[in-house]
Amino acid sequence: MAERRRSIPTPQTDQTVRDRDWAVNEIAGERYERTAFVDVDMAGLDDRGATFTGCVFRGVEFNASTHTGAAFVNCAFVRCEFFDATFTDCKLVGSVFDGGSYDLLKVVGGDWSFTSMPGLDLRRASFSGVRMHDVDLSGARCQGAEFAGVDLTDAWLHNADFTKADLRGSDLTGIDPSSVTLAGARIEPAQALTIAAALGLRIG
């Protein structure tokens, strides 16, 4: 099991929505609070500006779904599928991801700060222009993934593997190169100086 920075309890819910209760293809501006979604098929869902607060998604399929300007605040995603799902300018602050699949997941913009994603397989995922301050990616498998222009300040990256990942434009200040695998990762000259300084090297 990946080392976790902190233990975040699963939100307590007041109501449950099961697959038989869900027949929605698009939502716009709806609000859900303290709701458990169990084995719900949200594949292909067009989500524009919906807000989920303190919700639990268990065994939910988000495959090929699109989420624009939506919010999933302090939510928990347990064994969910995100194949080819797209999140654009979404807020997932404080949410927890436990298991699941993330092939071709695409995240553009938005705020994923304080999100817990330890041990996830993100090798075929893409994050660009995302704020991921204090994110927990400990033990995450990010080989070949894209983390371009991402704010990773204070991120917990212990034992994360970014082999051949695209990290160009991301904030790597505070990264500990001794605890992260970076072989073959793509970075920019300024980032190389940051990593060199983190290794205690003297430049010039």
Foldseek 3Di string as FASTA:
>chain_A
DFDWPDDDDQFAADEEDEQVNDDAQEDAQAEAERYEYELHENDNHEYHAYEYYSYEYANYEPHNYEHENYEHELYEYHQYEHHLYEYEQYEDDNYEYHHHYQANYEYEEHEHANYEDEQAECCRYEYENYEHEQYEHGNYENDQYEDELYEDHNHHHFNYEHHLYEHENYDCAPPQPVRYHHHNYDYDPVVVVRNCVNVVHDDD
